[in-house]
Protein backbone atom coordinates (compact mmCIF):
# COMPACT_ATOMS: atom_id res chain seq x y z
CA UNK A 1 1.83 17.06 18.58
CA UNK A 2 3.11 20.20 16.69
CA UNK A 3 1.65 21.06 13.32
CA UNK A 4 2.29 23.48 10.64
CA UNK A 5 -1.16 23.22 9.25
CA UNK A 6 -0.08 22.77 5.96
CA UNK A 7 -2.31 20.57 3.44
CA UNK A 8 -4.83 19.50 6.38
CA UNK A 9 -7.83 20.72 4.81
CA UNK A 10 -7.59 18.69 1.80
CA UNK A 11 -7.26 15.27 3.26
CA UNK A 12 -9.26 12.19 2.58
CA UNK A 13 -11.07 10.82 5.74
CA UNK A 14 -8.67 7.49 5.76
CA UNK A 15 -5.56 9.56 5.41
CA UNK A 16 -6.45 12.07 8.34
CA UNK A 17 -7.74 9.24 10.65
CA UNK A 18 -4.22 7.25 10.28
CA UNK A 19 -2.45 10.09 10.95
CA UNK A 20 -3.92 11.22 14.09
CA UNK A 21 -4.03 7.67 14.98
CA UNK A 22 -0.47 7.02 14.46
CA UNK A 23 1.12 9.92 15.83
CA UNK A 24 2.98 9.80 18.82
CA UNK A 25 3.94 12.47 21.53
CA UNK A 26 6.65 14.77 20.12
CA UNK A 27 5.80 13.83 16.40
CA UNK A 28 5.35 16.84 14.16
CA UNK A 29 2.95 16.55 11.29
CA UNK A 30 2.67 18.45 7.91
CA UNK A 31 6.28 19.42 8.14
CA UNK A 32 8.19 21.12 4.98
CA UNK A 33 11.31 19.21 4.10
CA UNK A 34 13.52 19.71 1.21
CA UNK A 35 10.71 21.40 -0.69
CA UNK A 36 8.30 18.79 -0.26
CA UNK A 37 5.43 18.53 2.79
CA UNK A 38 6.04 15.43 5.08
CA UNK A 39 3.10 13.89 6.82
CA UNK A 40 4.62 13.26 10.10
CA UNK A 41 8.55 13.71 11.39
CA UNK A 42 9.79 11.69 14.06
CA UNK A 43 13.23 12.95 15.30
CA UNK A 44 14.88 11.91 11.87
CA UNK A 45 12.35 9.55 10.40
CA UNK A 46 9.85 11.04 7.82
CA UNK A 47 6.72 9.23 7.61
CA UNK A 48 4.42 9.67 4.64
CA UNK A 49 1.04 8.24 4.59
CA UNK A 50 -0.40 7.24 1.09
CA UNK A 51 -3.70 5.33 0.91
CA UNK A 52 -3.61 4.87 -2.73
CA UNK A 53 -1.72 5.79 -6.27
CA UNK A 54 1.90 5.27 -5.16
CA UNK A 55 2.83 6.15 -8.50
CA UNK A 56 2.14 9.62 -7.40
CA UNK A 57 4.67 10.00 -4.94
CA UNK A 58 7.39 7.89 -6.40
CA UNK A 59 9.42 11.14 -7.04
CA UNK A 60 8.85 12.53 -3.55
CA UNK A 61 9.82 9.59 -1.62
CA UNK A 62 13.03 8.62 -3.95
CA UNK A 63 14.20 12.31 -3.89
CA UNK A 64 13.92 12.32 0.24
CA UNK A 65 15.36 8.72 0.74
CA UNK A 66 18.65 10.12 -0.64
CA UNK A 67 19.10 12.13 2.35
CA UNK A 68 16.73 11.10 5.14
CA UNK A 69 15.55 7.74 6.63
CA UNK A 70 11.77 7.47 5.23
CA UNK A 71 9.05 5.39 5.95
CA UNK A 72 5.83 4.69 3.59
CA UNK A 73 2.73 3.94 5.65
CA UNK A 74 0.14 2.16 3.36
CA UNK A 75 -3.33 0.91 4.64
CA UNK A 76 -4.42 -2.25 3.56
CA UNK A 77 -8.02 -2.73 3.79
CA UNK A 78 -8.79 -6.40 5.31
CA UNK A 79 -12.03 -5.67 6.22
CA UNK A 80 -14.84 -3.77 4.86
CA UNK A 81 -18.60 -1.96 5.39
CA UNK A 82 -19.89 -0.50 2.11
CA UNK A 83 -22.05 2.37 3.12
CA UNK A 84 -24.63 4.02 0.34
CA UNK A 85 -25.64 7.42 0.53
CA UNK A 86 -27.79 9.56 -1.57
CA UNK A 87 -28.58 13.42 -1.89
CA UNK A 88 -24.85 14.24 -1.51
CA UNK A 89 -24.69 12.17 1.60
CA UNK A 90 -27.58 13.31 3.24
CA UNK A 91 -28.91 10.30 3.39
CA UNK A 92 -27.80 6.71 3.86
CA UNK A 93 -29.65 4.02 1.89
CA UNK A 94 -27.97 0.89 3.13
CA UNK A 95 -24.86 -0.56 4.78
CA UNK A 96 -23.53 -4.41 4.13
CA UNK A 97 -20.49 -5.92 5.21
CA UNK A 98 -18.39 -6.92 2.29
CA UNK A 99 -17.37 -10.50 2.25
CA UNK A 100 -14.23 -10.18 0.54
CA UNK A 101 -10.93 -9.96 2.63
CA UNK A 102 -7.85 -7.96 1.55
CA UNK A 103 -5.31 -10.62 1.04
CA UNK A 104 -1.52 -9.24 1.82
CA UNK A 105 -0.42 -9.77 -1.49
CA UNK A 106 -2.80 -7.31 -2.94
CA UNK A 107 -0.28 -4.61 -1.74
CA UNK A 108 1.57 -5.29 -4.64
CA UNK A 109 -0.96 -3.65 -7.05
CA UNK A 110 -0.05 -0.33 -5.89
CA UNK A 111 3.49 -1.03 -4.32
CA UNK A 112 4.93 -2.11 -7.93
CA UNK A 113 5.40 1.54 -8.81
CA UNK A 114 7.93 2.15 -5.67
CA UNK A 115 9.36 -1.41 -5.06
CA UNK A 116 12.68 -0.25 -6.39
CA UNK A 117 13.07 1.90 -2.95
CA UNK A 118 13.00 -1.20 -0.97
CA UNK A 119 16.57 -1.85 -1.84
CA UNK A 120 17.40 1.46 -0.49
CA UNK A 121 18.78 1.29 3.27
CA UNK A 122 17.09 4.69 4.29
CA UNK A 123 13.82 3.17 3.16
CA UNK A 124 11.09 1.00 4.87
CA UNK A 125 7.57 0.04 4.32
CA UNK A 126 4.79 -0.35 7.05
CA UNK A 127 1.63 -1.85 6.13
CA UNK A 128 -1.67 -1.32 8.55
CA UNK A 129 -4.06 -3.57 8.02
CA UNK A 130 -7.42 -2.04 8.65
CA UNK A 131 -11.08 -2.33 8.75
CA UNK A 132 -12.85 0.59 6.79
CA UNK A 133 -16.12 1.93 5.59
CA UNK A 134 -16.23 2.62 1.86
CA UNK A 135 -18.70 5.24 1.06
CA UNK A 136 -20.60 5.15 -2.46
CA UNK A 137 -22.69 7.66 -4.02
CA UNK A 138 -24.19 7.63 -7.13
CA UNK A 139 -22.74 8.87 -10.31
CA UNK A 140 -24.59 8.67 -13.47
CA UNK A 141 -22.69 7.82 -16.62
CA UNK A 142 -19.89 6.00 -14.59
CA UNK A 143 -18.71 3.40 -12.57
CA UNK A 144 -20.55 0.55 -14.93
CA UNK A 145 -19.29 -2.45 -12.89
CA UNK A 146 -21.62 -0.75 -9.86
CA UNK A 147 -24.40 0.48 -11.87
CA UNK A 148 -23.62 4.33 -11.43
CA UNK A 149 -22.30 3.80 -8.04
CA UNK A 150 -18.72 5.49 -7.27
CA UNK A 151 -16.23 5.45 -3.95
CA UNK A 152 -16.71 9.03 -2.56
CA UNK A 153 -14.43 8.22 0.39
CA UNK A 154 -13.09 5.67 2.87
CA UNK A 155 -13.06 5.83 6.66
CA UNK A 156 -11.35 3.89 9.14
CA UNK A 157 -12.62 1.96 11.31
CA UNK A 158 -9.92 0.26 13.29
CA UNK A 159 -6.59 -1.13 12.94
CA UNK A 160 -6.44 -4.58 12.70
CA UNK A 161 -2.75 -5.02 12.95
CA UNK A 162 0.73 -3.39 11.47
CA UNK A 163 3.52 -5.36 9.43
CA UNK A 164 6.77 -3.55 8.91
CA UNK A 165 9.29 -4.32 5.92
CA UNK A 166 13.01 -3.19 6.72
CA UNK A 167 14.58 -5.03 3.79
CA UNK A 168 13.91 -7.04 0.42
CA UNK A 169 14.37 -10.47 2.53
CA UNK A 170 11.03 -9.26 4.63
CA UNK A 171 9.07 -9.20 1.80
CA UNK A 172 10.31 -12.08 -0.01
CA UNK A 173 9.13 -14.07 3.17
CA UNK A 174 5.51 -12.85 2.32
CA UNK A 175 5.88 -16.03 -0.50
CA UNK A 176 4.09 -18.99 0.93
CA UNK A 177 6.30 -22.35 1.47
CA UNK A 178 4.64 -24.05 -1.25
CA UNK A 179 6.58 -21.62 -3.92
CA UNK A 180 9.47 -23.64 -5.29
CA UNK A 181 12.87 -22.21 -5.38
CA UNK A 182 12.44 -21.52 -9.04
CA UNK A 183 9.06 -20.72 -10.04
CA UNK A 184 6.97 -19.05 -12.78
CA UNK A 185 4.18 -16.46 -12.25
CA UNK A 186 1.75 -19.07 -13.02
CA UNK A 187 3.11 -20.88 -9.89
CA UNK A 188 2.95 -18.09 -7.75
CA UNK A 189 -0.59 -17.15 -8.60
CA UNK A 190 -1.61 -20.69 -7.84
CA UNK A 191 0.23 -20.86 -4.78
CA UNK A 192 -0.96 -17.69 -3.21
CA UNK A 193 -4.73 -17.71 -4.64
CA UNK A 194 -4.34 -14.56 -6.32
CA UNK A 195 -4.79 -13.81 -10.23
CA UNK A 196 -2.08 -14.05 -12.62
CA UNK A 197 -1.64 -10.32 -13.16
CA UNK A 198 -1.44 -9.58 -9.73
CA UNK A 199 1.26 -12.34 -9.54
CA UNK A 200 2.95 -10.65 -12.10
CA UNK A 201 3.39 -7.36 -10.38
CA UNK A 202 4.80 -9.52 -7.16
CA UNK A 203 7.36 -11.35 -9.35
CA UNK A 204 8.55 -7.74 -10.73
CA UNK A 205 8.57 -5.95 -7.61
CA UNK A 206 10.62 -8.81 -5.94
CA UNK A 207 13.05 -8.68 -8.73
CA UNK A 208 13.43 -4.87 -9.10
CA UNK A 209 14.18 -4.98 -5.07
CA UNK A 210 16.66 -7.87 -5.53
CA UNK A 211 14.80 -10.31 -3.59
CA UNK A 212 14.43 -12.64 -6.81
CA UNK A 213 16.28 -13.26 -9.89
CA UNK A 214 15.87 -14.31 -13.41
CA UNK A 215 16.90 -17.84 -14.38
CA UNK A 216 16.00 -17.82 -17.91
CA UNK A 217 12.55 -19.19 -18.79
CA UNK A 218 10.29 -22.42 -18.54
CA UNK A 219 8.52 -22.49 -21.96
CA UNK A 220 7.20 -19.28 -22.90
CA UNK A 221 7.30 -18.31 -18.83
CA UNK A 222 9.86 -16.27 -16.92
CA UNK A 223 11.61 -18.48 -14.44
CA UNK A 224 12.27 -16.60 -11.15
CA UNK A 225 14.74 -17.84 -8.54
CA UNK A 226 13.06 -17.58 -4.91
CA UNK A 227 16.28 -16.31 -3.19
CA UNK A 228 19.60 -14.59 -3.67
CA UNK A 229 21.16 -15.00 -0.40
CA UNK A 230 24.27 -13.13 -1.27
CA UNK A 231 22.32 -9.66 -2.18
CA UNK A 232 19.70 -9.69 0.88
């Protein structure tokens, strides 16, 4: 694995661990391409790992995808252990397993900002389903919901599985069978068991990538059509 050494010192642990784990023999890392630094170059394929804030790399992806095949790798935390530290990380106060499991639909919370790229033939999305440690440290005056505890970093424990999405049709397949051909975001929320705000982001993402269409309204709610065979 060759490296240019650019940008590796400022990486967060989850990002760095995913890059190390996913690199194959012959891959190059931290490679300058068209004015950007790309995490992994595998032949002609550019692989960019982003653990959060996908809106921050939207311009980078949109630019590179016009000239190169680009894969965005996004980790989705399915299992989480919360670690509390004090003294700037010198002491571990406790560890507990979170009962929550990350649903695949939660990827749309971030993916909504780059969803339009899914319709580009050069773009693919890979979701790494991971188990991770979330390290929290006390930050007085912030993080009210956690009583002053803020997330310091996330660490990879293991990769549970990987999912590759190459076309809008692949994303459409995430909708459960219970979602009817014509549906509202309320029905989507009920079928997936997710909150209404996330169902709205799912529907918007699928619409901008061309996987669903708008068929008017049902009362006050936008009515979506589940499939657009001629466009997928």
